[in-house]
């Protein structure tokens, strides 16, 4: 695993722990299909949460949350639909969240959670 992949894994681990600490249940990590990958799939009560995680070491390339453009949000909606097609039964409420992790060397990581992007 290279440094970029390790940083991404670290951010996803923090994000999963953050969501669990807030009462959510992680259903899937790194769920893949032909259209792409969902970082985290969680359950928040009766709501299915599709969560994109962006991790950066600094803000030189922008804030981690800025990496989720409207195009990426649209792609996440398509991935959510693909995920639901693999799960029989009723369609639950679904939302798309983004977690930005700023992991500056020598500092505690900063985790920011945006609920229901593009809603």
N, C-alpha and C. Protein backbone atom coordinates (compact mmCIF):
# COMPACT_ATOMS: atom_id res chain seq x y z
N UNK A 1 0.85 -1.17 0.00
CA UNK A 1 0.00 0.00 0.00
C UNK A 1 0.90 1.24 0.00
N UNK A 2 0.66 2.14 -0.94
CA UNK A 2 1.48 3.35 -1.00
C UNK A 2 0.96 4.39 0.01
N UNK A 3 1.67 5.51 0.12
CA UNK A 3 1.32 6.55 1.09
C UNK A 3 -0.06 7.13 0.88
N UNK A 4 -0.44 7.32 -0.39
CA UNK A 4 -1.76 7.87 -0.71
C UNK A 4 -2.86 6.91 -0.27
N UNK A 5 -2.68 5.63 -0.55
CA UNK A 5 -3.66 4.62 -0.16
C UNK A 5 -3.74 4.50 1.36
N UNK A 6 -2.58 4.57 2.03
CA UNK A 6 -2.55 4.48 3.49
C UNK A 6 -3.28 5.68 4.11
N UNK A 7 -3.09 6.86 3.54
CA UNK A 7 -3.79 8.05 4.04
C UNK A 7 -5.29 7.89 3.85
N UNK A 8 -5.71 7.41 2.70
CA UNK A 8 -7.13 7.18 2.44
C UNK A 8 -7.72 6.16 3.41
N UNK A 9 -7.01 5.09 3.66
CA UNK A 9 -7.48 4.06 4.60
C UNK A 9 -7.59 4.65 6.01
N UNK A 10 -6.60 5.45 6.39
CA UNK A 10 -6.61 6.10 7.70
C UNK A 10 -7.86 6.99 7.83
N UNK A 11 -8.13 7.79 6.81
CA UNK A 11 -9.30 8.66 6.83
C UNK A 11 -10.59 7.88 6.90
N UNK A 12 -10.69 6.79 6.15
CA UNK A 12 -11.89 5.96 6.19
C UNK A 12 -12.07 5.31 7.56
N UNK A 13 -10.97 4.89 8.18
CA UNK A 13 -11.05 4.31 9.53
C UNK A 13 -11.59 5.35 10.52
N UNK A 14 -11.05 6.58 10.45
CA UNK A 14 -11.52 7.65 11.34
C UNK A 14 -12.99 7.96 11.08
N UNK A 15 -13.37 8.03 9.81
CA UNK A 15 -14.75 8.34 9.45
C UNK A 15 -15.70 7.26 9.96
N UNK A 16 -15.33 6.00 9.80
CA UNK A 16 -16.17 4.90 10.28
C UNK A 16 -16.34 4.98 11.79
N UNK A 17 -15.26 5.24 12.49
CA UNK A 17 -15.33 5.37 13.95
C UNK A 17 -16.20 6.56 14.35
N UNK A 18 -16.05 7.67 13.62
CA UNK A 18 -16.84 8.88 13.87
C UNK A 18 -18.34 8.57 13.73
N UNK A 19 -18.71 7.89 12.64
CA UNK A 19 -20.12 7.56 12.42
C UNK A 19 -20.64 6.60 13.50
N UNK A 20 -19.86 5.61 13.85
CA UNK A 20 -20.27 4.67 14.90
C UNK A 20 -20.45 5.38 16.24
N UNK A 21 -19.54 6.31 16.54
CA UNK A 21 -19.65 7.07 17.79
C UNK A 21 -20.92 7.90 17.85
N UNK A 22 -21.52 8.17 16.69
CA UNK A 22 -22.76 8.93 16.62
C UNK A 22 -23.98 8.03 16.43
N UNK A 23 -23.79 6.74 16.69
CA UNK A 23 -24.90 5.82 16.71
C UNK A 23 -25.23 5.15 15.39
N UNK A 24 -24.43 5.37 14.37
CA UNK A 24 -24.68 4.73 13.08
C UNK A 24 -24.04 3.35 13.05
N UNK A 25 -24.55 2.51 12.17
CA UNK A 25 -24.01 1.17 11.97
C UNK A 25 -23.38 1.12 10.58
N UNK A 26 -22.13 0.70 10.51
CA UNK A 26 -21.46 0.55 9.21
C UNK A 26 -21.90 -0.78 8.61
N UNK A 27 -22.48 -0.71 7.41
CA UNK A 27 -22.93 -1.91 6.71
C UNK A 27 -21.88 -2.43 5.73
N UNK A 28 -21.19 -1.50 5.08
CA UNK A 28 -20.20 -1.87 4.05
C UNK A 28 -19.06 -0.86 4.07
N UNK A 29 -17.88 -1.34 3.71
CA UNK A 29 -16.73 -0.47 3.47
C UNK A 29 -16.20 -0.79 2.08
N UNK A 30 -15.93 0.24 1.31
CA UNK A 30 -15.36 0.10 -0.02
C UNK A 30 -16.19 -0.83 -0.91
N UNK A 31 -17.51 -0.59 -0.91
CA UNK A 31 -18.41 -1.37 -1.77
C UNK A 31 -18.17 -0.97 -3.22
N UNK A 32 -17.98 -1.97 -4.07
CA UNK A 32 -17.65 -1.71 -5.48
C UNK A 32 -18.67 -2.32 -6.42
N UNK A 33 -18.83 -1.63 -7.54
CA UNK A 33 -19.62 -2.15 -8.65
C UNK A 33 -18.99 -1.61 -9.92
N UNK A 34 -19.57 -1.91 -11.06
CA UNK A 34 -18.99 -1.47 -12.33
C UNK A 34 -18.93 0.05 -12.45
N UNK A 35 -19.81 0.75 -11.72
CA UNK A 35 -19.86 2.21 -11.83
C UNK A 35 -18.90 2.93 -10.89
N UNK A 36 -18.32 2.21 -9.94
CA UNK A 36 -17.39 2.86 -9.02
C UNK A 36 -17.43 2.26 -7.63
N UNK A 37 -17.05 3.07 -6.65
CA UNK A 37 -16.92 2.60 -5.28
C UNK A 37 -17.58 3.57 -4.31
N UNK A 38 -18.22 3.00 -3.29
CA UNK A 38 -18.75 3.77 -2.18
C UNK A 38 -17.82 3.52 -0.99
N UNK A 39 -17.30 4.59 -0.39
CA UNK A 39 -16.37 4.43 0.72
C UNK A 39 -17.03 3.75 1.91
N UNK A 40 -18.15 4.29 2.37
CA UNK A 40 -18.86 3.73 3.52
C UNK A 40 -20.35 3.71 3.25
N UNK A 41 -20.98 2.62 3.61
CA UNK A 41 -22.44 2.53 3.61
C UNK A 41 -22.82 2.32 5.06
N UNK A 42 -23.69 3.19 5.58
CA UNK A 42 -24.06 3.12 6.99
C UNK A 42 -25.57 3.19 7.13
N UNK A 43 -26.02 2.84 8.31
CA UNK A 43 -27.43 2.94 8.64
C UNK A 43 -27.56 3.92 9.81
N UNK A 44 -28.35 4.96 9.60
CA UNK A 44 -28.61 5.97 10.62
C UNK A 44 -30.10 5.89 10.94
N UNK A 45 -30.43 5.08 11.93
CA UNK A 45 -31.85 4.80 12.19
C UNK A 45 -32.41 4.01 11.03
N UNK A 46 -33.43 4.58 10.36
CA UNK A 46 -34.04 3.93 9.20
C UNK A 46 -33.48 4.47 7.89
N UNK A 47 -32.46 5.31 7.95
CA UNK A 47 -31.92 5.97 6.75
C UNK A 47 -30.61 5.31 6.32
N UNK A 48 -30.55 4.93 5.06
CA UNK A 48 -29.32 4.40 4.48
C UNK A 48 -28.43 5.59 4.11
N UNK A 49 -27.19 5.57 4.56
CA UNK A 49 -26.27 6.68 4.33
C UNK A 49 -25.12 6.21 3.44
N UNK A 50 -25.02 6.85 2.29
CA UNK A 50 -23.90 6.63 1.38
C UNK A 50 -22.89 7.72 1.71
N UNK A 51 -21.70 7.33 2.13
CA UNK A 51 -20.73 8.31 2.65
C UNK A 51 -19.44 8.30 1.85
N UNK A 52 -19.10 9.46 1.35
CA UNK A 52 -17.82 9.68 0.67
C UNK A 52 -16.85 10.27 1.68
N UNK A 53 -15.63 9.74 1.71
CA UNK A 53 -14.62 10.23 2.64
C UNK A 53 -13.46 10.81 1.83
N UNK A 54 -13.09 12.04 2.16
CA UNK A 54 -11.95 12.69 1.52
C UNK A 54 -10.94 13.06 2.60
N UNK A 55 -9.71 12.62 2.43
CA UNK A 55 -8.66 12.85 3.42
C UNK A 55 -7.50 13.59 2.77
N UNK A 56 -7.01 14.59 3.48
CA UNK A 56 -5.85 15.37 3.00
C UNK A 56 -4.88 15.58 4.16
N UNK A 57 -3.61 15.77 3.82
CA UNK A 57 -2.60 16.11 4.83
C UNK A 57 -2.53 17.61 5.08
N UNK A 58 -3.03 18.38 4.15
CA UNK A 58 -3.03 19.83 4.27
C UNK A 58 -4.06 20.42 3.34
N UNK A 59 -4.08 21.74 3.28
CA UNK A 59 -5.09 22.41 2.45
C UNK A 59 -4.49 23.04 1.19
N UNK A 60 -3.27 22.67 0.86
CA UNK A 60 -2.63 23.22 -0.34
C UNK A 60 -3.43 22.96 -1.60
N UNK A 61 -4.09 21.83 -1.67
CA UNK A 61 -4.95 21.48 -2.82
C UNK A 61 -6.41 21.76 -2.51
N UNK A 62 -6.66 22.51 -1.41
CA UNK A 62 -8.02 22.81 -1.01
C UNK A 62 -8.46 21.96 0.17
N UNK A 63 -9.54 22.37 0.76
CA UNK A 63 -10.13 21.64 1.88
C UNK A 63 -10.62 20.28 1.37
N UNK A 64 -10.51 19.24 2.19
CA UNK A 64 -10.98 17.92 1.73
C UNK A 64 -12.42 17.93 1.24
N UNK A 65 -13.29 18.69 1.90
CA UNK A 65 -14.69 18.73 1.50
C UNK A 65 -14.89 19.36 0.12
N UNK A 66 -13.98 20.23 -0.28
CA UNK A 66 -14.08 20.88 -1.59
C UNK A 66 -13.86 19.90 -2.74
N UNK A 67 -13.30 18.73 -2.43
CA UNK A 67 -13.03 17.74 -3.47
C UNK A 67 -14.30 17.07 -3.98
N UNK A 68 -15.41 17.26 -3.26
CA UNK A 68 -16.67 16.66 -3.69
C UNK A 68 -17.46 17.72 -4.46
N UNK A 69 -17.32 17.66 -5.77
CA UNK A 69 -17.99 18.60 -6.67
C UNK A 69 -19.41 18.12 -6.94
N UNK A 70 -20.18 18.92 -7.65
CA UNK A 70 -21.54 18.50 -8.00
C UNK A 70 -21.50 17.26 -8.89
N UNK A 71 -20.45 17.14 -9.72
CA UNK A 71 -20.33 15.94 -10.56
C UNK A 71 -20.11 14.70 -9.70
N UNK A 72 -19.28 14.83 -8.67
CA UNK A 72 -19.03 13.70 -7.77
C UNK A 72 -20.30 13.36 -6.99
N UNK A 73 -21.05 14.38 -6.56
CA UNK A 73 -22.31 14.13 -5.84
C UNK A 73 -23.30 13.40 -6.75
N UNK A 74 -23.34 13.77 -8.01
CA UNK A 74 -24.22 13.09 -8.97
C UNK A 74 -23.80 11.63 -9.13
N UNK A 75 -22.51 11.38 -9.22
CA UNK A 75 -21.99 10.02 -9.33
C UNK A 75 -22.34 9.21 -8.08
N UNK A 76 -22.27 9.84 -6.91
CA UNK A 76 -22.64 9.17 -5.67
C UNK A 76 -24.11 8.78 -5.66
N UNK A 77 -24.96 9.62 -6.23
CA UNK A 77 -26.38 9.28 -6.33
C UNK A 77 -26.58 8.06 -7.24
N UNK A 78 -25.83 7.98 -8.34
CA UNK A 78 -25.90 6.81 -9.21
C UNK A 78 -25.41 5.56 -8.49
N UNK A 79 -24.33 5.70 -7.72
CA UNK A 79 -23.81 4.57 -6.95
C UNK A 79 -24.81 4.13 -5.88
N UNK A 80 -25.50 5.08 -5.25
CA UNK A 80 -26.52 4.73 -4.26
C UNK A 80 -27.61 3.91 -4.92
N UNK A 81 -28.05 4.31 -6.12
CA UNK A 81 -29.08 3.56 -6.84
C UNK A 81 -28.57 2.16 -7.18
N UNK A 82 -27.32 2.05 -7.58
CA UNK A 82 -26.74 0.74 -7.89
C UNK A 82 -26.70 -0.14 -6.64
N UNK A 83 -26.33 0.45 -5.52
CA UNK A 83 -26.29 -0.30 -4.26
C UNK A 83 -27.69 -0.82 -3.92
N UNK A 84 -28.70 0.04 -4.04
CA UNK A 84 -30.06 -0.37 -3.70
C UNK A 84 -30.57 -1.48 -4.61
N UNK A 85 -30.13 -1.48 -5.87
CA UNK A 85 -30.56 -2.55 -6.79
C UNK A 85 -30.05 -3.91 -6.34
N UNK A 86 -28.98 -3.95 -5.56
CA UNK A 86 -28.43 -5.23 -5.09
C UNK A 86 -29.08 -5.69 -3.80
N UNK A 87 -29.95 -4.86 -3.24
CA UNK A 87 -30.61 -5.17 -1.97
C UNK A 87 -32.11 -5.30 -2.19
N UNK A 88 -32.64 -6.52 -2.11
CA UNK A 88 -34.09 -6.68 -2.31
C UNK A 88 -34.88 -6.07 -1.17
N UNK A 89 -36.13 -5.79 -1.44
CA UNK A 89 -37.01 -5.27 -0.39
C UNK A 89 -37.36 -3.82 -0.62
N UNK A 90 -37.94 -3.23 0.40
CA UNK A 90 -38.39 -1.84 0.27
C UNK A 90 -37.20 -0.89 0.21
N UNK A 91 -37.43 0.23 -0.43
CA UNK A 91 -36.39 1.24 -0.56
C UNK A 91 -36.45 2.14 0.67
N UNK A 92 -35.38 2.16 1.44
CA UNK A 92 -35.36 3.02 2.62
C UNK A 92 -35.10 4.47 2.23
N UNK A 93 -35.22 5.35 3.21
CA UNK A 93 -34.74 6.72 2.98
C UNK A 93 -33.24 6.61 2.74
N UNK A 94 -32.76 7.41 1.82
CA UNK A 94 -31.34 7.38 1.48
C UNK A 94 -30.82 8.81 1.49
N UNK A 95 -29.63 8.99 2.03
CA UNK A 95 -28.98 10.30 1.93
C UNK A 95 -27.51 10.09 1.62
N UNK A 96 -26.90 11.14 1.12
CA UNK A 96 -25.48 11.11 0.79
C UNK A 96 -24.77 12.11 1.69
N UNK A 97 -23.81 11.62 2.45
CA UNK A 97 -23.00 12.44 3.34
C UNK A 97 -21.56 12.47 2.84
N UNK A 98 -20.84 13.48 3.28
CA UNK A 98 -19.42 13.58 2.99
C UNK A 98 -18.69 13.85 4.29
N UNK A 99 -17.60 13.13 4.49
CA UNK A 99 -16.73 13.38 5.63
C UNK A 99 -15.38 13.81 5.10
N UNK A 100 -14.92 14.96 5.58
CA UNK A 100 -13.59 15.45 5.25
C UNK A 100 -12.68 15.25 6.44
N UNK A 101 -11.52 14.69 6.19
CA UNK A 101 -10.54 14.46 7.25
C UNK A 101 -9.28 15.24 6.89
N UNK A 102 -8.88 16.13 7.78
CA UNK A 102 -7.64 16.87 7.61
C UNK A 102 -6.65 16.29 8.61
N UNK A 103 -5.64 15.58 8.09
CA UNK A 103 -4.69 14.85 8.93
C UNK A 103 -3.31 15.49 8.77
N UNK A 104 -3.14 16.63 9.41
CA UNK A 104 -1.85 17.33 9.36
C UNK A 104 -0.85 16.62 10.26
N UNK A 105 0.38 16.41 9.76
CA UNK A 105 1.40 15.77 10.58
C UNK A 105 1.62 16.55 11.88
N UNK A 106 1.68 15.83 12.99
CA UNK A 106 1.93 16.45 14.28
C UNK A 106 0.70 17.06 14.94
N UNK A 107 -0.46 16.95 14.31
CA UNK A 107 -1.69 17.50 14.88
C UNK A 107 -2.76 16.42 14.94
N UNK A 108 -3.73 16.63 15.82
CA UNK A 108 -4.87 15.72 15.87
C UNK A 108 -5.67 15.90 14.59
N UNK A 109 -6.19 14.82 14.04
CA UNK A 109 -6.97 14.96 12.81
C UNK A 109 -8.27 15.72 13.06
N UNK A 110 -8.66 16.48 12.06
CA UNK A 110 -9.92 17.22 12.11
C UNK A 110 -10.91 16.49 11.21
N UNK A 111 -12.03 16.08 11.78
CA UNK A 111 -13.07 15.36 11.04
C UNK A 111 -14.28 16.27 10.93
N UNK A 112 -14.72 16.52 9.69
CA UNK A 112 -15.91 17.35 9.46
C UNK A 112 -16.90 16.54 8.65
N UNK A 113 -18.17 16.61 9.05
CA UNK A 113 -19.23 15.78 8.47
C UNK A 113 -20.29 16.69 7.90
N UNK A 114 -20.56 16.53 6.60
CA UNK A 114 -21.63 17.26 5.94
C UNK A 114 -22.73 16.26 5.64
N UNK A 115 -23.91 16.52 6.20
CA UNK A 115 -25.04 15.61 6.07
C UNK A 115 -25.89 16.03 4.88
N UNK A 116 -26.28 15.05 4.08
CA UNK A 116 -27.22 15.24 2.96
C UNK A 116 -26.72 16.28 1.95
N UNK A 117 -25.59 16.00 1.33
CA UNK A 117 -25.08 16.90 0.29
C UNK A 117 -26.01 16.85 -0.92
N UNK A 118 -26.19 17.96 -1.53
CA UNK A 118 -27.00 18.03 -2.74
C UNK A 118 -28.48 17.80 -2.51
N UNK A 119 -28.91 17.85 -1.26
CA UNK A 119 -30.34 17.62 -0.97
C UNK A 119 -31.12 18.90 -1.14
